[in-house]
PDB file of all heavy atoms in Angstrom:
ATOM      1  N   GLN A   1      72.096  26.456 113.267  1.00  0.00           N
ATOM      2  CA  GLN A   1      70.740  26.089 112.835  1.00  0.00           C
ATOM      3  C   GLN A   1      70.604  25.835 111.343  1.00  0.00           C
ATOM      4  O   GLN A   1      69.554  25.384 110.898  1.00  0.00           O
ATOM      5  CB  GLN A   1      69.740  27.188 113.232  1.00  0.00           C
ATOM      6  CG  GLN A   1      69.686  27.482 114.719  1.00  0.00           C
ATOM      7  CD  GLN A   1      70.529  28.714 115.065  1.00  0.00           C
ATOM      8  OE1 GLN A   1      71.495  29.020 114.376  1.00  0.00           O
ATOM      9  NE2 GLN A   1      70.145  29.398 116.128  1.00  0.00           N
ATOM     10  N   THR A   2      71.628  26.126 110.563  1.00  0.00           N
ATOM     11  CA  THR A   2      71.484  26.083 109.101  1.00  0.00           C
ATOM     12  C   THR A   2      72.316  24.987 108.445  1.00  0.00           C
ATOM     13  O   THR A   2      72.523  24.996 107.237  1.00  0.00           O
ATOM     14  CB  THR A   2      71.882  27.441 108.493  1.00  0.00           C
ATOM     15  OG1 THR A   2      73.231  27.759 108.880  1.00  0.00           O
ATOM     16  CG2 THR A   2      70.941  28.539 108.963  1.00  0.00           C
ATOM     17  N   ARG A   3      72.756  24.022 109.202  1.00  0.00           N
ATOM     18  CA  ARG A   3      73.679  23.023 108.655  1.00  0.00           C
ATOM     19  C   ARG A   3      72.983  22.069 107.686  1.00  0.00           C
ATOM     20  O   ARG A   3      73.538  21.703 106.650  1.00  0.00           O
ATOM     21  CB  ARG A   3      74.376  22.280 109.798  1.00  0.00           C
ATOM     22  CG  ARG A   3      75.165  23.250 110.671  1.00  0.00           C
ATOM     23  CD  ARG A   3      76.041  22.594 111.706  1.00  0.00           C
ATOM     24  NE  ARG A   3      76.713  23.623 112.502  1.00  0.00           N
ATOM     25  CZ  ARG A   3      77.683  23.376 113.363  1.00  0.00           C
ATOM     26  NH1 ARG A   3      78.101  22.119 113.540  1.00  0.00           N
ATOM     27  NH2 ARG A   3      78.248  24.349 114.051  1.00  0.00           N
ATOM     28  N   PHE A   4      71.771  21.649 108.004  1.00  0.00           N
ATOM     29  CA  PHE A   4      70.999  20.830 107.053  1.00  0.00           C
ATOM     30  C   PHE A   4      70.754  21.617 105.763  1.00  0.00           C
ATOM     31  O   PHE A   4      70.934  21.107 104.661  1.00  0.00           O
ATOM     32  CB  PHE A   4      69.646  20.442 107.651  1.00  0.00           C
ATOM     33  CG  PHE A   4      69.662  19.191 108.482  1.00  0.00           C
ATOM     34  CD1 PHE A   4      70.848  18.571 108.854  1.00  0.00           C
ATOM     35  CD2 PHE A   4      68.469  18.621 108.902  1.00  0.00           C
ATOM     36  CE1 PHE A   4      70.849  17.435 109.632  1.00  0.00           C
ATOM     37  CE2 PHE A   4      68.460  17.476 109.685  1.00  0.00           C
ATOM     38  CZ  PHE A   4      69.648  16.886 110.054  1.00  0.00           C
ATOM     39  N   LYS A   5      70.307  22.858 105.937  1.00  0.00           N
ATOM     40  CA  LYS A   5      69.944  23.668 104.778  1.00  0.00           C
ATOM     41  C   LYS A   5      71.126  23.842 103.832  1.00  0.00           C
ATOM     42  O   LYS A   5      70.995  23.671 102.610  1.00  0.00           O
ATOM     43  CB  LYS A   5      69.431  25.028 105.240  1.00  0.00           C
ATOM     44  CG  LYS A   5      68.943  25.913 104.106  1.00  0.00           C
ATOM     45  CD  LYS A   5      68.350  27.210 104.646  1.00  0.00           C
ATOM     46  CE  LYS A   5      67.827  28.074 103.505  1.00  0.00           C
ATOM     47  NZ  LYS A   5      67.218  29.325 104.006  1.00  0.00           N
ATOM     48  N   LYS A   6      72.295  24.156 104.374  1.00  0.00           N
ATOM     49  CA  LYS A   6      73.474  24.357 103.536  1.00  0.00           C
ATOM     50  C   LYS A   6      73.885  23.061 102.855  1.00  0.00           C
ATOM     51  O   LYS A   6      74.258  23.053 101.676  1.00  0.00           O
ATOM     52  CB  LYS A   6      74.624  24.919 104.371  1.00  0.00           C
ATOM     53  CG  LYS A   6      74.407  26.360 104.808  1.00  0.00           C
ATOM     54  CD  LYS A   6      75.595  26.898 105.557  1.00  0.00           C
ATOM     55  CE  LYS A   6      76.787  27.085 104.628  1.00  0.00           C
ATOM     56  NZ  LYS A   6      76.546  28.165 103.657  1.00  0.00           N
ATOM     57  N   ALA A   7      73.822  21.946 103.592  1.00  0.00           N
ATOM     58  CA  ALA A   7      74.210  20.658 103.006  1.00  0.00           C
ATOM     59  C   ALA A   7      73.256  20.256 101.878  1.00  0.00           C
ATOM     60  O   ALA A   7      73.689  19.759 100.828  1.00  0.00           O
ATOM     61  CB  ALA A   7      74.244  19.577 104.082  1.00  0.00           C
ATOM     62  N   LEU A   8      71.959  20.490 102.070  1.00  0.00           N
ATOM     63  CA  LEU A   8      70.972  20.069 101.083  1.00  0.00           C
ATOM     64  C   LEU A   8      71.014  20.897  99.803  1.00  0.00           C
ATOM     65  O   LEU A   8      70.460  20.487  98.786  1.00  0.00           O
ATOM     66  CB  LEU A   8      69.562  20.109 101.693  1.00  0.00           C
ATOM     67  CG  LEU A   8      69.267  19.016 102.723  1.00  0.00           C
ATOM     68  CD1 LEU A   8      67.904  19.233 103.365  1.00  0.00           C
ATOM     69  CD2 LEU A   8      69.346  17.633 102.097  1.00  0.00           C
ATOM     70  N   GLU A   9      71.674  22.042  99.852  1.00  0.00           N
ATOM     71  CA  GLU A   9      71.848  22.837  98.632  1.00  0.00           C
ATOM     72  C   GLU A   9      72.586  22.038  97.554  1.00  0.00           C
ATOM     73  O   GLU A   9      72.404  22.276  96.362  1.00  0.00           O
ATOM     74  CB  GLU A   9      72.604  24.127  98.946  1.00  0.00           C
ATOM     75  CG  GLU A   9      71.775  25.132  99.735  1.00  0.00           C
ATOM     76  CD  GLU A   9      72.589  26.333 100.188  1.00  0.00           C
ATOM     77  OE1 GLU A   9      73.825  26.342  99.949  1.00  0.00           O
ATOM     78  OE2 GLU A   9      72.000  27.249 100.791  1.00  0.00           O
ATOM     79  N   GLN A  10      73.394  21.060  97.989  1.00  0.00           N
ATOM     80  CA  GLN A  10      74.158  20.244  97.042  1.00  0.00           C
ATOM     81  C   GLN A  10      73.256  19.367  96.168  1.00  0.00           C
ATOM     82  O   GLN A  10      73.654  18.966  95.075  1.00  0.00           O
ATOM     83  CB  GLN A  10      75.144  19.341  97.791  1.00  0.00           C
ATOM     84  CG  GLN A  10      76.173  20.055  98.619  1.00  0.00           C
ATOM     85  CD  GLN A  10      77.010  19.071  99.416  1.00  0.00           C
ATOM     86  OE1 GLN A  10      77.369  17.983  98.936  1.00  0.00           O
ATOM     87  NE2 GLN A  10      77.334  19.428 100.649  1.00  0.00           N
ATOM     88  N   VAL A  11      72.054  19.037  96.671  1.00  0.00           N
ATOM     89  CA  VAL A  11      71.204  18.074  95.953  1.00  0.00           C
ATOM     90  C   VAL A  11      69.865  18.670  95.546  1.00  0.00           C
ATOM     91  O   VAL A  11      68.921  17.942  95.247  1.00  0.00           O
ATOM     92  CB  VAL A  11      70.990  16.796  96.803  1.00  0.00           C
ATOM     93  CG1 VAL A  11      72.299  16.041  96.989  1.00  0.00           C
ATOM     94  CG2 VAL A  11      70.367  17.128  98.155  1.00  0.00           C
ATOM     95  N   GLN A  12      69.766  19.983  95.533  1.00  0.00           N
ATOM     96  CA  GLN A  12      68.502  20.640  95.188  1.00  0.00           C
ATOM     97  C   GLN A  12      67.984  20.226  93.816  1.00  0.00           C
ATOM     98  O   GLN A  12      66.778  20.140  93.597  1.00  0.00           O
ATOM     99  CB  GLN A  12      68.680  22.161  95.235  1.00  0.00           C
ATOM    100  CG  GLN A  12      68.634  22.760  96.625  1.00  0.00           C
ATOM    101  CD  GLN A  12      67.258  22.679  97.257  1.00  0.00           C
ATOM    102  OE1 GLN A  12      66.240  22.776  96.586  1.00  0.00           O
ATOM    103  NE2 GLN A  12      67.225  22.498  98.563  1.00  0.00           N
ATOM    104  N   ARG A  13      68.886  19.962  92.889  1.00  0.00           N
ATOM    105  CA  ARG A  13      68.476  19.609  91.526  1.00  0.00           C
ATOM    106  C   ARG A  13      68.473  18.094  91.274  1.00  0.00           C
ATOM    107  O   ARG A  13      68.078  17.653  90.204  1.00  0.00           O
ATOM    108  CB  ARG A  13      69.387  20.299  90.511  1.00  0.00           C
ATOM    109  CG  ARG A  13      69.284  21.812  90.554  1.00  0.00           C
ATOM    110  CD  ARG A  13      70.144  22.461  89.492  1.00  0.00           C
ATOM    111  NE  ARG A  13      70.032  23.912  89.541  1.00  0.00           N
ATOM    112  CZ  ARG A  13      69.076  24.634  88.973  1.00  0.00           C
ATOM    113  NH1 ARG A  13      68.114  24.016  88.301  1.00  0.00           N
ATOM    114  NH2 ARG A  13      69.065  25.948  89.062  1.00  0.00           N
ATOM    115  N   LYS A  14      68.901  17.334  92.278  1.00  0.00           N
ATOM    116  CA  LYS A  14      68.970  15.878  92.101  1.00  0.00           C
ATOM    117  C   LYS A  14      67.667  15.198  92.525  1.00  0.00           C
ATOM    118  O   LYS A  14      67.298  14.159  91.982  1.00  0.00           O
ATOM    119  CB  LYS A  14      70.141  15.301  92.896  1.00  0.00           C
ATOM    120  CG  LYS A  14      70.304  13.798  92.732  1.00  0.00           C
ATOM    121  CD  LYS A  14      71.524  13.271  93.478  1.00  0.00           C
ATOM    122  CE  LYS A  14      71.654  11.759  93.296  1.00  0.00           C
ATOM    123  NZ  LYS A  14      72.821  11.199  94.024  1.00  0.00           N
ATOM    124  N   TYR A  15      66.982  15.773  93.516  1.00  0.00           N
ATOM    125  CA  TYR A  15      65.773  15.157  94.071  1.00  0.00           C
ATOM    126  C   TYR A  15      64.566  16.068  93.889  1.00  0.00           C
ATOM    127  O   TYR A  15      64.673  17.288  93.839  1.00  0.00           O
ATOM    128  CB  TYR A  15      65.954  14.866  95.565  1.00  0.00           C
ATOM    129  CG  TYR A  15      67.017  13.830  95.848  1.00  0.00           C
ATOM    130  CD1 TYR A  15      68.310  14.219  96.186  1.00  0.00           C
ATOM    131  CD2 TYR A  15      66.739  12.467  95.747  1.00  0.00           C
ATOM    132  CE1 TYR A  15      69.295  13.283  96.431  1.00  0.00           C
ATOM    133  CE2 TYR A  15      67.714  11.517  95.993  1.00  0.00           C
ATOM    134  CZ  TYR A  15      68.994  11.928  96.326  1.00  0.00           C
ATOM    135  OH  TYR A  15      69.971  10.999  96.563  1.00  0.00           O
ATOM    136  N   ASP A  16      63.389  15.430  93.818  1.00  0.00           N
ATOM    137  CA  ASP A  16      62.132  16.170  93.788  1.00  0.00           C
ATOM    138  C   ASP A  16      61.638  16.459  95.201  1.00  0.00           C
ATOM    139  O   ASP A  16      61.096  17.534  95.467  1.00  0.00           O
ATOM    140  CB  ASP A  16      61.068  15.371  93.032  1.00  0.00           C
ATOM    141  CG  ASP A  16      61.465  15.091  91.597  1.00  0.00           C
ATOM    142  OD1 ASP A  16      61.673  16.062  90.842  1.00  0.00           O
ATOM    143  OD2 ASP A  16      61.602  13.902  91.241  1.00  0.00           O
ATOM    144  N   TYR A  17      61.814  15.471  96.087  1.00  0.00           N
ATOM    145  CA  TYR A  17      61.347  15.614  97.467  1.00  0.00           C
ATOM    146  C   TYR A  17      62.393  15.106  98.450  1.00  0.00           C
ATOM    147  O   TYR A  17      63.115  14.152  98.163  1.00  0.00           O
ATOM    148  CB  TYR A  17      60.036  14.842  97.693  1.00  0.00           C
ATOM    149  CG  TYR A  17      58.838  15.534  97.101  1.00  0.00           C
ATOM    150  CD1 TYR A  17      58.407  15.227  95.813  1.00  0.00           C
ATOM    151  CD2 TYR A  17      58.157  16.519  97.810  1.00  0.00           C
ATOM    152  CE1 TYR A  17      57.326  15.880  95.241  1.00  0.00           C
ATOM    153  CE2 TYR A  17      57.066  17.172  97.249  1.00  0.00           C
ATOM    154  CZ  TYR A  17      56.661  16.854  95.980  1.00  0.00           C
ATOM    155  OH  TYR A  17      55.590  17.505  95.419  1.00  0.00           O
ATOM    156  N   CYS A  18      62.437  15.767  99.600  1.00  0.00           N
ATOM    157  CA  CYS A  18      63.235  15.311 100.731  1.00  0.00           C
ATOM    158  C   CYS A  18      62.306  15.218 101.930  1.00  0.00           C
ATOM    159  O   CYS A  18      61.626  16.188 102.278  1.00  0.00           O
ATOM    160  CB  CYS A  18      64.379  16.293 101.010  1.00  0.00           C
ATOM    161  SG  CYS A  18      65.316  15.927 102.513  1.00  0.00           S
ATOM    162  N   ILE A  19      62.255  14.046 102.552  1.00  0.00           N
ATOM    163  CA  ILE A  19      61.440  13.812 103.746  1.00  0.00           C
ATOM    164  C   ILE A  19      62.377  13.693 104.945  1.00  0.00           C
ATOM    165  O   ILE A  19      63.330  12.898 104.916  1.00  0.00           O
ATOM    166  CB  ILE A  19      60.609  12.521 103.627  1.00  0.00           C
ATOM    167  CG1 ILE A  19      59.806  12.501 102.318  1.00  0.00           C
ATOM    168  CG2 ILE A  19      59.691  12.354 104.834  1.00  0.00           C
ATOM    169  CD1 ILE A  19      58.785  13.586 102.205  1.00  0.00           C
ATOM    170  N   ILE A  20      62.132  14.471 105.994  1.00  0.00           N
ATOM    171  CA  ILE A  20      62.956  14.396 107.198  1.00  0.00           C
ATOM    172  C   ILE A  20      62.131  13.802 108.332  1.00  0.00           C
ATOM    173  O   ILE A  20      61.100  14.361 108.728  1.00  0.00           O
ATOM    174  CB  ILE A  20      63.497  15.773 107.609  1.00  0.00           C
ATOM    175  CG1 ILE A  20      64.227  16.447 106.431  1.00  0.00           C
ATOM    176  CG2 ILE A  20      64.447  15.625 108.802  1.00  0.00           C
ATOM    177  CD1 ILE A  20      64.760  17.828 106.752  1.00  0.00           C
ATOM    178  N   ASP A  21      62.570  12.643 108.823  1.00  0.00           N
ATOM    179  CA  ASP A  21      61.926  11.984 109.962  1.00  0.00           C
ATOM    180  C   ASP A  21      62.614  12.464 111.231  1.00  0.00           C
ATOM    181  O   ASP A  21      63.789  12.187 111.458  1.00  0.00           O
ATOM    182  CB  ASP A  21      62.050  10.466 109.826  1.00  0.00           C
ATOM    183  CG  ASP A  21      61.520   9.736 111.043  1.00  0.00           C
ATOM    184  OD1 ASP A  21      60.517  10.209 111.620  1.00  0.00           O
ATOM    185  OD2 ASP A  21      62.109   8.701 111.431  1.00  0.00           O
ATOM    186  N   ASN A  22      61.890  13.191 112.070  1.00  0.00           N
ATOM    187  CA  ASN A  22      62.481  13.834 113.243  1.00  0.00           C
ATOM    188  C   ASN A  22      62.193  13.099 114.538  1.00  0.00           C
ATOM    189  O   ASN A  22      61.176  12.410 114.678  1.00  0.00           O
ATOM    190  CB  ASN A  22      61.954  15.266 113.358  1.00  0.00           C
ATOM    191  CG  ASN A  22      62.438  16.151 112.242  1.00  0.00           C
ATOM    192  OD1 ASN A  22      63.584  16.583 112.233  1.00  0.00           O
ATOM    193  ND2 ASN A  22      61.573  16.410 111.270  1.00  0.00           N
ATOM    194  N   ALA A  23      63.085  13.286 115.497  1.00  0.00           N
ATOM    195  CA  ALA A  23      62.902  12.730 116.837  1.00  0.00           C
ATOM    196  C   ALA A  23      61.755  13.452 117.543  1.00  0.00           C
ATOM    197  O   ALA A  23      61.435  14.598 117.208  1.00  0.00           O
ATOM    198  CB  ALA A  23      64.189  12.882 117.640  1.00  0.00           C
ATOM    199  N   PRO A  24      61.119  12.810 118.524  1.00  0.00           N
ATOM    200  CA  PRO A  24      60.048  13.468 119.292  1.00  0.00           C
ATOM    201  C   PRO A  24      60.638  14.437 120.312  1.00  0.00           C
ATOM    202  O   PRO A  24      60.530  14.258 121.529  1.00  0.00           O
ATOM    203  CB  PRO A  24      59.335  12.287 119.962  1.00  0.00           C
ATOM    204  CG  PRO A  24      60.405  11.252 120.107  1.00  0.00           C
ATOM    205  CD  PRO A  24      61.290  11.399 118.913  1.00  0.00           C
ATOM    206  N   ASP A  25      61.267  15.488 119.794  1.00  0.00           N
ATOM    207  CA  ASP A  25      62.009  16.404 120.660  1.00  0.00           C
ATOM    208  C   ASP A  25      62.319  17.672 119.859  1.00  0.00           C
ATOM    209  O   ASP A  25      62.337  17.640 118.630  1.00  0.00           O
ATOM    210  CB  ASP A  25      63.314  15.725 121.114  1.00  0.00           C
ATOM    211  CG  ASP A  25      64.019  16.495 122.206  1.00  0.00           C
ATOM    212  OD1 ASP A  25      63.413  17.422 122.781  1.00  0.00           O
ATOM    213  OD2 ASP A  25      65.191  16.178 122.487  1.00  0.00           O
ATOM    214  N   ILE A  26      62.561  18.759 120.566  1.00  0.00           N
ATOM    215  CA  ILE A  26      63.116  19.940 119.925  1.00  0.00           C
ATOM    216  C   ILE A  26      64.578  20.035 120.353  1.00  0.00           C
ATOM    217  O   ILE A  26      64.887  20.412 121.479  1.00  0.00           O
ATOM    218  CB  ILE A  26      62.354  21.223 120.311  1.00  0.00           C
ATOM    219  CG1 ILE A  26      60.971  21.229 119.671  1.00  0.00           C
ATOM    220  CG2 ILE A  26      63.121  22.456 119.853  1.00  0.00           C
ATOM    221  CD1 ILE A  26      60.972  21.323 118.148  1.00  0.00           C
ATOM    222  N   ASN A  27      65.453  19.603 119.475  1.00  0.00           N
ATOM    223  CA  ASN A  27      66.887  19.729 119.723  1.00  0.00           C
ATOM    224  C   ASN A  27      67.504  20.434 118.523  1.00  0.00           C
ATOM    225  O   ASN A  27      66.795  20.868 117.618  1.00  0.00           O
ATOM    226  CB  ASN A  27      67.517  18.351 119.983  1.00  0.00           C
ATOM    227  CG  ASN A  27      67.232  17.366 118.867  1.00  0.00           C
ATOM    228  OD1 ASN A  27      67.230  17.716 117.694  1.00  0.00           O
ATOM    229  ND2 ASN A  27      66.985  16.103 119.220  1.00  0.00           N
ATOM    230  N   ILE A  28      68.809  20.563 118.493  1.00  0.00           N
ATOM    231  CA  ILE A  28      69.425  21.365 117.440  1.00  0.00           C
ATOM    232  C   ILE A  28      69.262  20.725 116.057  1.00  0.00           C
ATOM    233  O   ILE A  28      69.156  21.429 115.052  1.00  0.00           O
ATOM    234  CB  ILE A  28      70.914  21.649 117.762  1.00  0.00           C
ATOM    235  CG1 ILE A  28      71.471  22.736 116.839  1.00  0.00           C
ATOM    236  CG2 ILE A  28      71.738  20.377 117.696  1.00  0.00           C
ATOM    237  CD1 ILE A  28      70.770  24.069 116.961  1.00  0.00           C
ATOM    238  N   SER A  29      69.175  19.401 115.988  1.00  0.00           N
ATOM    239  CA  SER A  29      68.995  18.781 114.666  1.00  0.00           C
ATOM    240  C   SER A  29      67.551  18.909 114.182  1.00  0.00           C
ATOM    241  O   SER A  29      67.315  19.035 112.975  1.00  0.00           O
ATOM    242  CB  SER A  29      69.448  17.315 114.661  1.00  0.00           C
ATOM    243  OG  SER A  29      68.684  16.520 115.525  1.00  0.00           O
ATOM    244  N   THR A  30      66.565  18.901 115.078  1.00  0.00           N
ATOM    245  CA  THR A  30      65.190  19.126 114.638  1.00  0.00           C
ATOM    246  C   THR A  30      64.982  20.592 114.249  1.00  0.00           C
ATOM    247  O   THR A  30      64.223  20.891 113.320  1.00  0.00           O
ATOM    248  CB  THR A  30      64.154  18.717 115.704  1.00  0.00           C
ATOM    249  OG1 THR A  30      64.436  19.374 116.937  1.00  0.00           O
ATOM    250  CG2 THR A  30      64.170  17.223 115.937  1.00  0.00           C
ATOM    251  N   ILE A  31      65.652  21.506 114.936  1.00  0.00           N
ATOM    252  CA  ILE A  31      65.602  22.915 114.520  1.00  0.00           C
ATOM    253  C   ILE A  31      66.216  23.051 113.135  1.00  0.00           C
ATOM    254  O   ILE A  31      65.697  23.762 112.267  1.00  0.00           O
ATOM    255  CB  ILE A  31      66.323  23.808 115.546  1.00  0.00           C
ATOM    256  CG1 ILE A  31      65.523  23.846 116.853  1.00  0.00           C
ATOM    257  CG2 ILE A  31      66.513  25.223 114.996  1.00  0.00           C
ATOM    258  CD1 ILE A  31      66.217  24.546 117.992  1.00  0.00           C
ATOM    259  N   ASN A  32      67.326  22.344 112.883  1.00  0.00           N
ATOM    260  CA  ASN A  32      67.920  22.335 111.548  1.00  0.00           C
ATOM    261  C   ASN A  32      66.923  21.834 110.514  1.00  0.00           C
ATOM    262  O   ASN A  32      66.855  22.351 109.394  1.00  0.00           O
ATOM    263  CB  ASN A  32      69.167  21.445 111.540  1.00  0.00           C
ATOM    264  CG  ASN A  32      70.443  22.233 111.746  1.00  0.00           C
ATOM    265  OD1 ASN A  32      71.147  22.579 110.808  1.00  0.00           O
ATOM    266  ND2 ASN A  32      70.744  22.525 113.006  1.00  0.00           N
ATOM    267  N   ALA A  33      66.153  20.815 110.878  1.00  0.00           N
ATOM    268  CA  ALA A  33      65.170  20.252 109.948  1.00  0.00           C
ATOM    269  C   ALA A  33      64.081  21.260 109.618  1.00  0.00           C
ATOM    270  O   ALA A  33      63.623  21.350 108.477  1.00  0.00           O
ATOM    271  CB  ALA A  33      64.563  18.982 110.536  1.00  0.00           C
ATOM    272  N   LEU A  34      63.648  22.049 110.610  1.00  0.00           N
ATOM    273  CA  LEU A  34      62.629  23.068 110.364  1.00  0.00           C
ATOM    274  C   LEU A  34      63.186  24.215 109.517  1.00  0.00           C
ATOM    275  O   LEU A  34      62.489  24.752 108.658  1.00  0.00           O
ATOM    276  CB  LEU A  34      62.093  23.604 111.692  1.00  0.00           C
ATOM    277  CG  LEU A  34      61.250  22.634 112.527  1.00  0.00           C
ATOM    278  CD1 LEU A  34      60.891  23.255 113.870  1.00  0.00           C
ATOM    279  CD2 LEU A  34      59.983  22.230 111.774  1.00  0.00           C
ATOM    280  N   VAL A  35      64.421  24.559 109.756  1.00  0.00           N
ATOM    281  CA  VAL A  35      65.041  25.627 108.969  1.00  0.00           C
ATOM    282  C   VAL A  35      65.208  25.196 107.515  1.00  0.00           C
ATOM    283  O   VAL A  35      65.072  26.009 106.586  1.00  0.00           O
ATOM    284  CB  VAL A  35      66.399  26.027 109.583  1.00  0.00           C
ATOM    285  CG1 VAL A  35      67.141  27.000 108.678  1.00  0.00           C
ATOM    286  CG2 VAL A  35      66.197  26.647 110.956  1.00  0.00           C
ATOM    287  N   ALA A  36      65.469  23.919 107.295  1.00  0.00           N
ATOM    288  CA  ALA A  36      65.681  23.409 105.934  1.00  0.00           C
ATOM    289  C   ALA A  36      64.382  23.103 105.208  1.00  0.00           C
ATOM    290  O   ALA A  36      64.381  22.949 103.985  1.00  0.00           O
ATOM    291  CB  ALA A  36      66.534  22.141 105.987  1.00  0.00           C
ATOM    292  N   ALA A  37      63.271  23.026 105.937  1.00  0.00           N
ATOM    293  CA  ALA A  37      62.020  22.527 105.353  1.00  0.00           C
ATOM    294  C   ALA A  37      61.226  23.604 104.630  1.00  0.00           C
ATOM    295  O   ALA A  37      61.303  24.798 104.948  1.00  0.00           O
ATOM    296  CB  ALA A  37      61.153  21.911 106.449  1.00  0.00           C
ATOM    297  N   ASP A  38      60.445  23.159 103.669  1.00  0.00           N
ATOM    298  CA  ASP A  38      59.412  23.988 103.060  1.00  0.00           C
ATOM    299  C   ASP A  38      58.085  23.784 103.788  1.00  0.00           C
ATOM    300  O   ASP A  38      57.338  24.731 104.021  1.00  0.00           O
ATOM    301  CB  ASP A  38      59.232  23.624 101.587  1.00  0.00           C
ATOM    302  CG  ASP A  38      60.498  23.863 100.776  1.00  0.00           C
ATOM    303  OD1 ASP A  38      60.883  25.029 100.617  1.00  0.00           O
ATOM    304  OD2 ASP A  38      61.104  22.872 100.329  1.00  0.00           O
ATOM    305  N   ASP A  39      57.792  22.521 104.137  1.00  0.00           N
ATOM    306  CA  ASP A  39      56.511  22.164 104.733  1.00  0.00           C
ATOM    307  C   ASP A  39      56.708  21.313 105.987  1.00  0.00           C
ATOM    308  O   ASP A  39      57.706  20.587 106.105  1.00  0.00           O
ATOM    309  CB  ASP A  39      55.660  21.371 103.737  1.00  0.00           C
ATOM    310  CG  ASP A  39      55.225  22.212 102.535  1.00  0.00           C
ATOM    311  OD1 ASP A  39      55.138  23.446 102.682  1.00  0.00           O
ATOM    312  OD2 ASP A  39      54.983  21.627 101.468  1.00  0.00           O
ATOM    313  N   VAL A  40      55.742  21.380 106.900  1.00  0.00           N
ATOM    314  CA  VAL A  40      55.728  20.560 108.109  1.00  0.00           C
ATOM    315  C   VAL A  40      54.428  19.771 108.154  1.00  0.00           C
ATOM    316  O   VAL A  40      53.353  20.334 107.974  1.00  0.00           O
ATOM    317  CB  VAL A  40      55.857  21.409 109.385  1.00  0.00           C
ATOM    318  CG1 VAL A  40      55.801  20.525 110.627  1.00  0.00           C
ATOM    319  CG2 VAL A  40      57.143  22.218 109.373  1.00  0.00           C
ATOM    320  N   LEU A  41      54.536  18.460 108.386  1.00  0.00           N
ATOM    321  CA  LEU A  41      53.385  17.587 108.596  1.00  0.00           C
ATOM    322  C   LEU A  41      53.506  16.975 109.983  1.00  0.00           C
ATOM    323  O   LEU A  41      54.603  16.546 110.385  1.00  0.00           O
ATOM    324  CB  LEU A  41      53.338  16.472 107.554  1.00  0.00           C
ATOM    325  CG  LEU A  41      52.685  16.765 106.191  1.00  0.00           C
ATOM    326  CD1 LEU A  41      53.438  17.839 105.437  1.00  0.00           C
ATOM    327  CD2 LEU A  41      52.624  15.492 105.356  1.00  0.00           C
ATOM    328  N   VAL A  42      52.383  16.916 110.702  1.00  0.00           N
ATOM    329  CA  VAL A  42      52.397  16.443 112.083  1.00  0.00           C
ATOM    330  C   VAL A  42      51.432  15.265 112.244  1.00  0.00           C
ATOM    331  O   VAL A  42      50.218  15.452 112.219  1.00  0.00           O
ATOM    332  CB  VAL A  42      52.006  17.572 113.057  1.00  0.00           C
ATOM    333  CG1 VAL A  42      52.004  17.054 114.496  1.00  0.00           C
ATOM    334  CG2 VAL A  42      52.946  18.760 112.914  1.00  0.00           C
ATOM    335  N   PRO A  43      51.953  14.046 112.417  1.00  0.00           N
ATOM    336  CA  PRO A  43      51.065  12.909 112.706  1.00  0.00           C
ATOM    337  C   PRO A  43      50.588  12.965 114.151  1.00  0.00           C
ATOM    338  O   PRO A  43      51.353  13.306 115.057  1.00  0.00           O
ATOM    339  CB  PRO A  43      51.974  11.691 112.464  1.00  0.00           C
ATOM    340  CG  PRO A  43      53.362  12.197 112.676  1.00  0.00           C
ATOM    341  CD  PRO A  43      53.366  13.652 112.322  1.00  0.00           C
ATOM    342  N   VAL A  44      49.314  12.651 114.372  1.00  0.00           N
ATOM    343  CA  VAL A  44      48.757  12.625 115.730  1.00  0.00           C
ATOM    344  C   VAL A  44      47.895  11.380 115.892  1.00  0.00           C
ATOM    345  O   VAL A  44      47.326  10.876 114.925  1.00  0.00           O
ATOM    346  CB  VAL A  44      47.909  13.878 116.040  1.00  0.00           C
ATOM    347  CG1 VAL A  44      48.753  15.141 115.985  1.00  0.00           C
ATOM    348  CG2 VAL A  44      46.725  14.006 115.099  1.00  0.00           C
TER     349      VAL A  44
END
């Protein structure tokens, strides 16, 4: 569940924002996205 989070540690000081566009599903990569995220926005 922490693969995105660990990878993004490499660029914490390079970027101001990271936006993750997720699939309409709860799978292991979307769980990774939630673990790596600070905030969640939900379009409806």
